[in-house]
Amino acid sequence: MRYLAALLAAAAVAGCSSWNPFGPDRPTPKELQPIVAPITAAQVWKESIGSVEFPMVVAINGGVVTMASSDGSVVALEAASGRSLWRANVGAKLSAGVGSDGTVAAVVTRGGDLVALEGGQIKWKKALGVRVATAPLVAGGRVFVLGVDRAVQAFDAADGAKIWQVARPGDPLTLAQAGVIAAFKDTLVVGQGPRMAGIEPISSTIRWEVPIGAPRGANEVERLADLVGPAVRTGDLMCARSFQAAVGCVDAERGRIMWTKAIGGTDAVAGDAELLFAADASDRLSAWKTPSGDVAWTSESLMYRGLGAPAAVGASVVFGDRDGTLHWMSRAKGESQLRSTTDGSAITVPPVVVGGTLIVVTRSGGVFAFRPS
């Protein structure tokens, strides 16, 4: 398996250890080919938030994006212009964030504190007693937290009072990478190992549970198959990757698997009702038809470039690499369209699209917004 761009914790968690697979050997990237289907995209604004050395997820609420840096800074920006709406610092380094419902934003510190903010002010803090790598979900007046130990906790968004906890049996090795936790109608959808589960958010009753990936391999490292977030929601489907095992979609209304494809890879998928996109462990690109899982196209043009999670914007799917380059590919055929540069540091935060504007965050903390013509 290739060097991992994913951030994996090295600390012990509730009797479980976590694996850090960074290795010195990197295959030689495939030489870039000429642009065959050229498009144009303008950089419309840029900002800086400070280095991001944890698995950060950008929260989107209307035309506002909320993000954070490793040193504890949290910022809300206007997606169209990059204008800062508010900034705050929680006073500690972060391990997870950001979740937001547009009013309350939530992050988790390395020391295990869940911190809620409102309007740039700290609203409350709550000790979790568990390591967290997944951004909290703020929805329905509650803050939901998925720990590295795969337990789910629910807190009152108003005052931080703990409401319930759902624990899973311990495993000898767990993945400290952003997992799946999302809202689907009146169901809380979480990834617990290779399974996607639907939880009733008031009582914490498990409504359904289906596997996307199947652990395989001769040792604990090879058998890691946790779901990697963020997930893609389109209609009644929730789609996600099972770490180094599979990509698949679940009918979250009925709680049944729609399709799953065995494929390696470590980063989140992206897409919409038509197509789902991802890179595998060797940075081979694939597009699947979202309703059926049938392969629409594959491409080996970006092999071994250290790609992160993609984003679908307009007629393109965009992948960022470890050198801070954005590769714009035709969503219809996977042909190269454009290459855009950022600040030269790796793009490990999943890009987001707001109103046709692509927003990417680099490891050095550069925030860049592009708008295709």
Protein backbone atom coordinates (compact mmCIF):
# COMPACT_ATOMS: atom_id res chain seq x y z
CA MET A 1 0.00 0.00 0.00
CA ARG A 2 1.29 3.45 -0.89
CA TYR A 3 2.45 6.05 1.58
CA LEU A 4 -0.67 7.47 3.16
CA ALA A 5 -1.61 11.10 2.89
CA ALA A 6 -4.12 10.45 5.65
CA LEU A 7 -3.31 11.59 9.18
CA LEU A 8 -3.20 8.59 11.51
CA ALA A 9 -2.77 8.89 15.26
CA ALA A 10 0.05 7.17 17.12
CA ALA A 11 -1.48 7.30 20.60
CA ALA A 12 -3.23 4.47 22.43
CA VAL A 13 -7.01 4.80 22.67
CA ALA A 14 -9.03 2.90 25.26
CA GLY A 15 -6.76 -0.13 25.02
CA CYS A 16 -6.50 0.20 21.23
CA SER A 17 -3.43 1.32 19.35
CA SER A 18 -3.42 3.29 16.14
CA TRP A 19 -1.12 2.93 13.20
CA ASN A 20 1.13 5.52 11.58
CA PRO A 21 2.23 4.17 8.18
CA PHE A 22 4.29 7.05 6.81
CA GLY A 23 7.11 5.51 4.83
CA PRO A 24 10.14 6.90 3.00
CA ASP A 25 9.55 5.03 -0.26
CA ARG A 26 7.50 6.84 -2.86
CA PRO A 27 6.98 5.57 -6.40
CA THR A 28 7.97 7.99 -9.15
CA PRO A 29 4.92 10.02 -10.25
CA LYS A 30 3.75 9.48 -13.79
CA GLU A 31 4.77 12.28 -16.13
CA LEU A 32 1.99 14.77 -16.67
CA GLN A 33 0.39 14.67 -20.09
CA PRO A 34 -0.67 17.67 -22.21
CA ILE A 35 -4.06 19.25 -21.52
CA VAL A 36 -6.51 17.67 -23.96
CA ALA A 37 -9.81 19.36 -23.08
CA PRO A 38 -8.81 22.85 -21.90
CA ILE A 39 -10.99 25.01 -19.68
CA THR A 40 -10.29 28.15 -17.66
CA ALA A 41 -10.81 28.91 -13.97
CA ALA A 42 -10.04 32.13 -12.13
CA GLN A 43 -8.68 32.38 -8.59
CA VAL A 44 -11.23 34.71 -7.02
CA TRP A 45 -9.75 35.07 -3.54
CA LYS A 46 -7.24 33.64 -1.09
CA GLU A 47 -6.80 33.68 2.68
CA SER A 48 -4.55 32.15 5.34
CA ILE A 49 -5.69 30.36 8.49
CA GLY A 50 -2.48 28.76 9.81
CA SER A 51 -1.10 25.25 9.26
CA VAL A 52 -3.54 22.34 9.18
CA GLU A 53 -1.90 19.16 10.51
CA PHE A 54 -5.08 17.34 11.49
CA PRO A 55 -7.94 15.81 9.44
CA MET A 56 -9.93 19.03 9.10
CA VAL A 57 -13.29 19.17 7.33
CA VAL A 58 -14.74 22.48 6.09
CA ALA A 59 -18.29 23.15 7.30
CA ILE A 60 -20.73 24.68 4.80
CA ASN A 61 -23.85 26.63 5.81
CA GLY A 62 -25.47 28.57 3.04
CA GLY A 63 -22.80 30.89 1.68
CA VAL A 64 -20.53 30.58 4.73
CA VAL A 65 -17.60 28.21 5.20
CA THR A 66 -16.13 27.54 8.64
CA MET A 67 -12.65 26.08 9.02
CA ALA A 68 -9.86 25.74 11.58
CA SER A 69 -6.10 25.41 11.94
CA SER A 70 -3.98 23.20 14.17
CA ASP A 71 -3.23 25.94 16.70
CA GLY A 72 -6.90 26.23 17.68
CA SER A 73 -7.95 29.09 15.41
CA VAL A 74 -11.47 28.87 13.98
CA VAL A 75 -12.70 31.20 11.24
CA ALA A 76 -15.95 31.73 9.34
CA LEU A 77 -15.56 33.13 5.82
CA GLU A 78 -17.99 34.32 3.19
CA ALA A 79 -17.58 31.75 0.40
CA ALA A 80 -18.16 34.18 -2.47
CA SER A 81 -15.63 36.80 -1.39
CA GLY A 82 -13.42 35.29 1.32
CA ARG A 83 -14.47 38.06 3.72
CA SER A 84 -13.95 37.10 7.36
CA LEU A 85 -17.18 37.03 9.36
CA TRP A 86 -15.59 36.05 12.66
CA ARG A 87 -12.42 34.55 14.09
CA ALA A 88 -11.70 32.86 17.39
CA ASN A 89 -9.10 30.70 19.12
CA VAL A 90 -10.06 27.93 21.54
CA GLY A 91 -6.70 28.08 23.35
CA ALA A 92 -5.51 24.57 22.48
CA LYS A 93 -4.32 22.59 19.48
CA LEU A 94 -6.99 20.73 17.56
CA SER A 95 -7.48 17.10 16.57
CA ALA A 96 -10.84 17.44 14.78
CA GLY A 97 -13.21 20.01 13.28
CA VAL A 98 -15.18 21.77 12.05
CA GLY A 99 -18.88 21.02 12.47
CA SER A 100 -21.48 23.78 12.26
CA ASP A 101 -25.21 24.31 11.81
CA GLY A 102 -24.70 27.95 10.89
CA THR A 103 -25.08 29.12 14.49
CA VAL A 104 -22.98 26.80 16.65
CA ALA A 105 -19.56 25.59 15.46
CA ALA A 106 -17.74 22.71 17.17
CA VAL A 107 -14.15 21.44 17.26
CA VAL A 108 -12.21 18.95 19.39
CA THR A 109 -8.83 19.64 21.01
CA ARG A 110 -5.91 17.23 21.23
CA GLY A 111 -6.55 17.09 24.96
CA GLY A 112 -9.99 15.64 24.30
CA ASP A 113 -12.21 18.68 24.90
CA LEU A 114 -15.27 19.31 22.73
CA VAL A 115 -15.52 23.10 22.26
CA ALA A 116 -18.63 24.87 20.97
CA LEU A 117 -18.50 28.41 19.60
CA GLU A 118 -21.18 30.90 18.65
CA GLY A 119 -20.50 34.15 16.81
CA GLY A 120 -16.78 33.77 17.39
CA GLN A 121 -17.15 33.31 21.17
CA ILE A 122 -16.62 30.09 23.13
CA LYS A 123 -20.03 28.89 24.26
CA TRP A 124 -19.00 25.84 26.32
CA LYS A 125 -16.39 23.10 26.68
CA LYS A 126 -16.87 19.44 27.51
CA ALA A 127 -14.26 16.76 28.30
CA LEU A 128 -14.83 13.71 26.09
CA GLY A 129 -12.39 11.19 27.56
CA VAL A 130 -11.62 9.80 24.10
CA ARG A 131 -9.47 10.74 21.13
CA VAL A 132 -11.38 12.24 18.17
CA ALA A 133 -10.31 12.66 14.52
CA THR A 134 -13.73 13.23 12.92
CA ALA A 135 -15.32 16.67 12.79
CA PRO A 136 -18.37 16.86 15.11
CA LEU A 137 -21.82 17.05 13.54
CA VAL A 138 -24.03 19.93 14.73
CA ALA A 139 -27.68 19.27 13.87
CA GLY A 140 -31.10 19.42 15.49
CA GLY A 141 -29.89 21.33 18.53
CA ARG A 142 -27.31 18.66 19.32
CA VAL A 143 -23.61 18.04 18.81
CA PHE A 144 -22.69 14.49 17.82
CA VAL A 145 -19.13 13.20 18.22
CA LEU A 146 -17.59 10.05 16.72
CA GLY A 147 -14.48 8.91 18.60
CA VAL A 148 -11.53 6.96 17.27
CA ASP A 149 -12.83 4.12 19.45
CA ARG A 150 -15.99 4.21 17.22
CA ALA A 151 -18.24 5.26 20.10
CA VAL A 152 -20.82 7.98 19.33
CA GLN A 153 -21.77 10.65 21.89
CA ALA A 154 -24.57 13.23 21.77
CA PHE A 155 -24.51 16.58 23.59
CA ASP A 156 -26.99 19.43 23.95
CA ALA A 157 -25.79 22.25 21.69
CA ALA A 158 -27.08 24.85 24.15
CA ASP A 159 -25.05 23.89 27.21
CA GLY A 160 -22.95 20.79 26.43
CA ALA A 161 -24.96 18.43 28.62
CA LYS A 162 -24.30 14.82 27.61
CA ILE A 163 -27.44 13.10 26.35
CA TRP A 164 -26.35 9.59 25.35
CA GLN A 165 -23.50 7.40 24.18
CA VAL A 166 -23.42 4.35 21.88
CA ALA A 167 -20.28 2.24 22.21
CA ARG A 168 -18.90 -0.43 19.90
CA PRO A 169 -16.83 -3.50 20.83
CA GLY A 170 -13.12 -2.72 20.99
CA ASP A 171 -10.75 -3.58 18.18
CA PRO A 172 -6.99 -4.10 18.45
CA LEU A 173 -6.26 -1.38 15.88
CA THR A 174 -8.34 1.63 14.88
CA LEU A 175 -8.01 4.28 12.19
CA ALA A 176 -7.49 7.85 13.40
CA GLN A 177 -8.71 9.50 10.22
CA ALA A 178 -11.86 11.51 9.54
CA GLY A 179 -14.78 9.09 9.59
CA VAL A 180 -18.43 9.26 8.61
CA ILE A 181 -20.99 11.13 10.68
CA ALA A 182 -23.87 12.88 8.92
CA ALA A 183 -27.56 13.71 9.12
CA PHE A 184 -30.07 12.01 6.85
CA LYS A 185 -33.62 13.26 7.43
CA ASP A 186 -34.37 12.15 11.02
CA THR A 187 -31.52 9.62 11.13
CA LEU A 188 -27.95 10.01 12.33
CA VAL A 189 -25.67 8.15 9.92
CA VAL A 190 -22.28 7.02 11.27
CA GLY A 191 -19.43 4.83 10.17
CA GLN A 192 -18.43 2.21 12.71
CA GLY A 193 -15.59 0.16 11.32
CA PRO A 194 -16.48 -0.93 7.75
CA ARG A 195 -20.21 -0.63 8.54
CA MET A 196 -22.55 2.28 7.96
CA ALA A 197 -25.20 2.56 10.67
CA GLY A 198 -28.40 4.57 11.02
CA ILE A 199 -29.13 5.75 14.58
CA GLU A 200 -32.31 7.30 15.95
CA PRO A 201 -30.88 10.60 17.28
CA ILE A 202 -33.28 11.04 20.22
CA SER A 203 -33.10 7.59 21.81
CA SER A 204 -29.79 6.36 20.27
CA THR A 205 -31.52 3.18 18.98
CA ILE A 206 -29.77 1.63 15.99
CA ARG A 207 -32.24 1.53 13.11
CA TRP A 208 -30.08 -0.27 10.55
CA GLU A 209 -26.52 -1.32 9.87
CA VAL A 210 -24.91 -2.46 6.61
CA PRO A 211 -21.28 -3.21 5.61
CA ILE A 212 -19.63 -1.32 2.75
CA GLY A 213 -16.21 -2.96 2.98
CA ALA A 214 -14.94 -6.32 4.19
CA PRO A 215 -11.67 -6.39 6.16
CA ARG A 216 -9.09 -8.55 4.45
CA GLY A 217 -5.41 -9.24 4.89
CA ALA A 218 -2.95 -11.20 6.98
CA ASN A 219 -2.44 -8.67 9.79
CA GLU A 220 -4.25 -5.95 11.70
CA VAL A 221 -2.91 -3.14 9.50
CA GLU A 222 -4.10 -4.79 6.31
CA ARG A 223 -7.50 -5.46 7.88
CA LEU A 224 -8.25 -1.81 8.70
CA ALA A 225 -11.42 -0.98 6.75
CA ASP A 226 -13.10 1.91 8.62
CA LEU A 227 -15.36 4.20 6.63
CA VAL A 228 -13.62 7.42 5.55
CA GLY A 229 -15.49 10.70 5.55
CA PRO A 230 -16.99 12.93 4.63
CA ALA A 231 -19.69 10.84 2.98
CA VAL A 232 -21.61 11.91 -0.13
CA ARG A 233 -25.36 12.32 0.20
CA THR A 234 -27.49 12.38 -2.94
CA GLY A 235 -31.21 11.77 -2.62
CA ASP A 236 -31.69 8.71 -0.42
CA LEU A 237 -28.14 7.48 -1.05
CA MET A 238 -25.18 7.85 1.32
CA CYS A 239 -21.91 6.90 -0.38
CA ALA A 240 -18.49 6.44 1.22
CA ARG A 241 -15.16 4.68 1.05
CA SER A 242 -14.13 1.78 3.26
CA PHE A 243 -10.43 2.37 3.95
CA GLN A 244 -8.27 0.28 1.56
CA ALA A 245 -11.21 -2.06 0.91
CA ALA A 246 -14.17 -0.72 -1.08
CA VAL A 247 -16.39 2.12 -2.30
CA GLY A 248 -20.16 1.84 -2.02
CA CYS A 249 -23.56 3.46 -1.62
CA VAL A 250 -26.31 2.74 0.92
CA ASP A 251 -30.03 3.48 0.66
CA ALA A 252 -30.29 5.36 3.95
CA GLU A 253 -34.09 5.47 3.80
CA ARG A 254 -34.42 1.68 3.76
CA GLY A 255 -31.11 0.77 5.38
CA ARG A 256 -29.79 -1.48 2.63
CA ILE A 257 -26.68 -1.62 0.50
CA MET A 258 -27.23 -0.54 -3.10
CA TRP A 259 -23.80 -1.43 -4.42
CA THR A 260 -20.21 -1.87 -3.35
CA LYS A 261 -16.99 -2.23 -5.33
CA ALA A 262 -13.79 -3.74 -3.94
CA ILE A 263 -11.09 -1.12 -4.52
CA GLY A 264 -8.14 0.13 -2.50
CA GLY A 265 -7.72 3.74 -1.44
CA THR A 266 -7.51 5.91 1.63
CA ASP A 267 -9.34 9.18 0.97
CA ALA A 268 -12.96 10.24 0.75
CA VAL A 269 -15.10 10.04 -2.36
CA ALA A 270 -17.01 12.91 -3.98
CA GLY A 271 -19.80 13.20 -6.49
CA ASP A 272 -23.49 13.71 -7.07
CA ALA A 273 -26.61 11.91 -8.27
CA GLU A 274 -24.94 11.05 -11.58
CA LEU A 275 -21.31 10.13 -10.85
CA LEU A 276 -19.10 9.23 -7.89
CA PHE A 277 -15.33 9.89 -8.05
CA ALA A 278 -12.25 8.71 -6.16
CA ALA A 279 -8.57 7.82 -6.49
CA ASP A 280 -7.22 4.45 -5.38
CA ALA A 281 -4.03 3.69 -3.45
CA SER A 282 -1.91 4.22 -6.59
CA ASP A 283 -3.79 7.39 -7.59
CA ARG A 284 -5.65 5.67 -10.38
CA LEU A 285 -8.84 7.66 -10.92
CA SER A 286 -12.28 6.07 -11.21
CA ALA A 287 -15.79 7.33 -11.84
CA TRP A 288 -18.80 5.17 -11.06
CA LYS A 289 -22.42 5.71 -12.00
CA THR A 290 -23.94 6.65 -8.65
CA PRO A 291 -27.25 4.74 -8.96
CA SER A 292 -25.68 1.43 -10.07
CA GLY A 293 -21.95 1.43 -9.32
CA ASP A 294 -21.12 0.69 -12.96
CA VAL A 295 -17.71 2.06 -13.99
CA ALA A 296 -18.07 5.18 -16.15
CA TRP A 297 -14.33 5.67 -16.76
CA THR A 298 -10.87 5.19 -15.28
CA SER A 299 -7.64 7.15 -15.75
CA GLU A 300 -3.99 6.48 -14.90
CA SER A 301 -2.81 9.98 -15.84
CA LEU A 302 -2.09 11.07 -12.22
CA MET A 303 -0.53 7.89 -10.84
CA TYR A 304 1.57 8.28 -7.66
CA ARG A 305 1.00 12.02 -7.25
CA GLY A 306 -0.28 11.83 -3.68
CA LEU A 307 -3.87 12.77 -4.43
CA GLY A 308 -6.40 13.64 -1.75
CA ALA A 309 -10.18 13.60 -1.84
CA PRO A 310 -11.73 15.16 -4.97
CA ALA A 311 -14.53 17.66 -5.53
CA ALA A 312 -17.03 17.84 -8.39
CA VAL A 313 -17.58 21.34 -9.74
CA GLY A 314 -19.38 22.19 -12.96
CA ALA A 315 -18.14 19.97 -15.80
CA SER A 316 -15.04 18.95 -13.84
CA VAL A 317 -13.80 16.76 -11.03
CA VAL A 318 -10.81 18.26 -9.24
CA PHE A 319 -8.06 16.43 -7.35
CA GLY A 320 -5.40 18.17 -5.24
CA ASP A 321 -1.95 16.59 -4.87
CA ARG A 322 0.91 16.61 -2.36
CA ASP A 323 2.61 19.51 -4.20
CA GLY A 324 -0.43 21.79 -3.94
CA THR A 325 -1.48 21.43 -7.57
CA LEU A 326 -5.14 21.13 -8.53
CA HIS A 327 -5.82 18.78 -11.42
CA TRP A 328 -9.07 19.56 -13.21
CA MET A 329 -10.41 16.52 -15.09
CA SER A 330 -13.45 16.16 -17.33
CA ARG A 331 -16.21 14.57 -15.27
CA ALA A 332 -17.58 12.92 -18.40
CA LYS A 333 -14.40 11.20 -19.63
CA GLY A 334 -11.58 11.83 -17.14
CA GLU A 335 -9.58 13.93 -19.62
CA SER A 336 -7.19 16.61 -18.31
CA GLN A 337 -8.64 20.13 -18.51
CA LEU A 338 -6.54 22.47 -16.38
CA ARG A 339 -3.87 22.63 -13.66
CA SER A 340 -3.99 25.31 -10.97
CA THR A 341 -1.32 26.04 -8.38
CA THR A 342 -1.71 27.03 -4.74
CA ASP A 343 1.16 27.50 -2.26
CA GLY A 344 3.18 24.35 -2.92
CA SER A 345 2.07 22.43 0.17
CA ALA A 346 -0.09 19.32 0.13
CA ILE A 347 -3.84 19.53 -0.29
CA THR A 348 -5.09 17.07 2.32
CA VAL A 349 -8.34 18.78 3.34
CA PRO A 350 -11.29 17.61 1.19
CA PRO A 351 -12.16 20.50 -1.18
CA VAL A 352 -15.67 21.93 -1.02
CA VAL A 353 -17.91 23.61 -3.59
CA VAL A 354 -20.21 26.50 -2.63
CA GLY A 355 -22.33 28.15 -5.27
CA GLY A 356 -20.02 27.10 -8.07
CA THR A 357 -16.87 28.23 -6.22
CA LEU A 358 -14.23 25.60 -5.42
CA ILE A 359 -12.51 26.16 -2.07
CA VAL A 360 -9.33 24.29 -1.15
CA VAL A 361 -7.18 24.38 1.97
CA THR A 362 -3.50 23.42 1.97
CA ARG A 363 -1.48 21.90 4.78
CA SER A 364 0.30 25.24 5.23
CA GLY A 365 -3.06 26.89 5.83
CA GLY A 366 -3.56 28.61 2.51
CA VAL A 367 -7.21 28.93 1.50
CA PHE A 368 -7.80 29.34 -2.24
CA ALA A 369 -11.07 29.89 -4.07
CA PHE A 370 -11.43 29.14 -7.78
CA ARG A 371 -14.35 29.66 -10.09
CA PRO A 372 -14.45 27.86 -13.46
CA SER A 373 -15.53 29.90 -16.47
